[in-house]
Amino acid sequence: MTGGSELLGHLLHDLLVKGIIVAVALVVLAVGMTVIWRMAGRGVSRDRDR
C-alpha cells in the first residue's frame, strides 16, 4: 500500500509544480501584454496629445 500512496504523492507534487509554472507564465504574459499595450500608446488618454 505504501507504493500506491507514494505514487499519489508524486503525482500531486507534479500537478502542483505544473500549476505553479502555468500561473507564473500567465502573470508574465499579462505583464508583457500590459507593457506592450502602454508602449503602443493605447493605455494612456489621447487628450494629452492635443
N, C-alpha and C. Protein backbone atom coordinates (compact mmCIF):
# COMPACT_ATOMS: atom_id res chain seq x y z
N MET A 1 0.80 -1.20 0.00
CA MET A 1 0.00 0.00 0.00
C MET A 1 0.85 1.27 0.00
N THR A 2 2.04 1.21 0.54
CA THR A 2 2.86 2.43 0.57
C THR A 2 3.29 2.83 -0.82
N GLY A 3 3.42 1.86 -1.73
CA GLY A 3 3.80 2.20 -3.10
C GLY A 3 2.75 3.05 -3.78
N GLY A 4 1.48 2.73 -3.53
CA GLY A 4 0.38 3.48 -4.13
C GLY A 4 0.29 4.90 -3.59
N SER A 5 0.46 5.05 -2.27
CA SER A 5 0.38 6.39 -1.71
C SER A 5 1.61 7.21 -2.09
N GLU A 6 2.75 6.54 -2.27
CA GLU A 6 3.95 7.25 -2.72
C GLU A 6 3.77 7.76 -4.15
N LEU A 7 3.16 6.93 -4.99
CA LEU A 7 2.88 7.34 -6.37
C LEU A 7 1.89 8.50 -6.38
N LEU A 8 0.88 8.43 -5.54
CA LEU A 8 -0.10 9.52 -5.45
C LEU A 8 0.57 10.81 -5.00
N GLY A 9 1.48 10.71 -4.06
CA GLY A 9 2.22 11.89 -3.60
C GLY A 9 3.04 12.51 -4.72
N HIS A 10 3.70 11.66 -5.51
CA HIS A 10 4.48 12.17 -6.64
C HIS A 10 3.58 12.85 -7.68
N LEU A 11 2.43 12.25 -7.94
CA LEU A 11 1.51 12.83 -8.92
C LEU A 11 0.96 14.18 -8.44
N LEU A 12 0.62 14.26 -7.15
CA LEU A 12 0.13 15.53 -6.62
C LEU A 12 1.22 16.61 -6.65
N HIS A 13 2.45 16.21 -6.34
CA HIS A 13 3.57 17.15 -6.38
C HIS A 13 3.79 17.64 -7.81
N ASP A 14 3.71 16.73 -8.77
CA ASP A 14 3.87 17.08 -10.18
C ASP A 14 2.78 18.05 -10.62
N LEU A 15 1.55 17.79 -10.20
CA LEU A 15 0.44 18.68 -10.54
C LEU A 15 0.63 20.06 -9.94
N LEU A 16 1.09 20.11 -8.70
CA LEU A 16 1.34 21.39 -8.04
C LEU A 16 2.42 22.19 -8.76
N VAL A 17 3.52 21.53 -9.10
CA VAL A 17 4.63 22.21 -9.79
C VAL A 17 4.17 22.74 -11.14
N LYS A 18 3.44 21.91 -11.89
CA LYS A 18 2.96 22.36 -13.20
C LYS A 18 1.96 23.50 -13.07
N GLY A 19 1.12 23.47 -12.04
CA GLY A 19 0.17 24.55 -11.82
C GLY A 19 0.88 25.86 -11.51
N ILE A 20 1.93 25.79 -10.70
CA ILE A 20 2.71 26.99 -10.38
C ILE A 20 3.38 27.54 -11.63
N ILE A 21 3.92 26.66 -12.46
CA ILE A 21 4.57 27.09 -13.71
C ILE A 21 3.56 27.81 -14.60
N VAL A 22 2.38 27.26 -14.74
CA VAL A 22 1.35 27.88 -15.58
C VAL A 22 0.92 29.23 -15.01
N ALA A 23 0.76 29.31 -13.68
CA ALA A 23 0.35 30.56 -13.05
C ALA A 23 1.40 31.65 -13.26
N VAL A 24 2.68 31.30 -13.09
CA VAL A 24 3.76 32.28 -13.30
C VAL A 24 3.80 32.71 -14.76
N ALA A 25 3.61 31.76 -15.67
CA ALA A 25 3.62 32.10 -17.10
C ALA A 25 2.47 33.06 -17.44
N LEU A 26 1.31 32.86 -16.83
CA LEU A 26 0.19 33.76 -17.09
C LEU A 26 0.44 35.16 -16.55
N VAL A 27 1.08 35.26 -15.39
CA VAL A 27 1.41 36.57 -14.84
C VAL A 27 2.42 37.28 -15.74
N VAL A 28 3.44 36.55 -16.19
CA VAL A 28 4.45 37.14 -17.09
C VAL A 28 3.79 37.58 -18.39
N LEU A 29 2.89 36.78 -18.91
CA LEU A 29 2.18 37.14 -20.14
C LEU A 29 1.35 38.41 -19.94
N ALA A 30 0.64 38.49 -18.82
CA ALA A 30 -0.19 39.67 -18.56
C ALA A 30 0.67 40.93 -18.42
N VAL A 31 1.79 40.82 -17.72
CA VAL A 31 2.68 41.99 -17.58
C VAL A 31 3.25 42.39 -18.93
N GLY A 32 3.68 41.42 -19.71
CA GLY A 32 4.21 41.71 -21.05
C GLY A 32 3.19 42.37 -21.95
N MET A 33 1.96 41.87 -21.91
CA MET A 33 0.91 42.48 -22.74
C MET A 33 0.60 43.90 -22.28
N THR A 34 0.63 44.14 -20.97
CA THR A 34 0.39 45.49 -20.46
C THR A 34 1.48 46.44 -20.90
N VAL A 35 2.73 46.01 -20.83
CA VAL A 35 3.85 46.85 -21.26
C VAL A 35 3.75 47.17 -22.74
N ILE A 36 3.46 46.17 -23.55
CA ILE A 36 3.33 46.40 -24.99
C ILE A 36 2.16 47.33 -25.28
N TRP A 37 1.04 47.15 -24.58
CA TRP A 37 -0.15 47.99 -24.77
C TRP A 37 0.17 49.44 -24.47
N ARG A 38 0.89 49.68 -23.37
CA ARG A 38 1.24 51.06 -22.99
C ARG A 38 2.27 51.65 -23.94
N MET A 39 3.21 50.84 -24.43
CA MET A 39 4.21 51.36 -25.37
C MET A 39 3.56 51.72 -26.69
N ALA A 40 2.48 51.02 -27.03
CA ALA A 40 1.78 51.33 -28.28
C ALA A 40 0.92 52.57 -28.12
N GLY A 41 0.79 53.07 -26.88
CA GLY A 41 0.07 54.31 -26.66
C GLY A 41 -1.42 54.14 -26.48
N ARG A 42 -1.87 52.91 -26.29
CA ARG A 42 -3.30 52.69 -26.15
C ARG A 42 -3.76 52.70 -24.70
N GLY A 43 -2.83 52.65 -23.77
CA GLY A 43 -3.21 52.64 -22.37
C GLY A 43 -3.32 54.02 -21.76
N VAL A 44 -2.94 55.04 -22.49
CA VAL A 44 -2.95 56.40 -21.96
C VAL A 44 -4.04 57.19 -22.67
N SER A 45 -4.51 58.21 -22.02
CA SER A 45 -5.54 59.06 -22.60
C SER A 45 -4.96 59.83 -23.78
N ARG A 46 -5.75 59.99 -24.81
CA ARG A 46 -5.31 60.71 -26.01
C ARG A 46 -5.40 62.22 -25.85
N ASP A 47 -6.02 62.69 -24.76
CA ASP A 47 -6.22 64.13 -24.57
C ASP A 47 -4.90 64.87 -24.38
N ARG A 48 -3.91 64.24 -23.83
CA ARG A 48 -2.66 64.93 -23.58
C ARG A 48 -1.85 65.19 -24.86
N ASP A 49 -2.22 64.54 -25.96
CA ASP A 49 -1.52 64.76 -27.23
C ASP A 49 -2.01 66.04 -27.92
N ARG A 50 -3.12 66.56 -27.50
CA ARG A 50 -3.70 67.73 -28.19
C ARG A 50 -3.13 69.02 -27.68
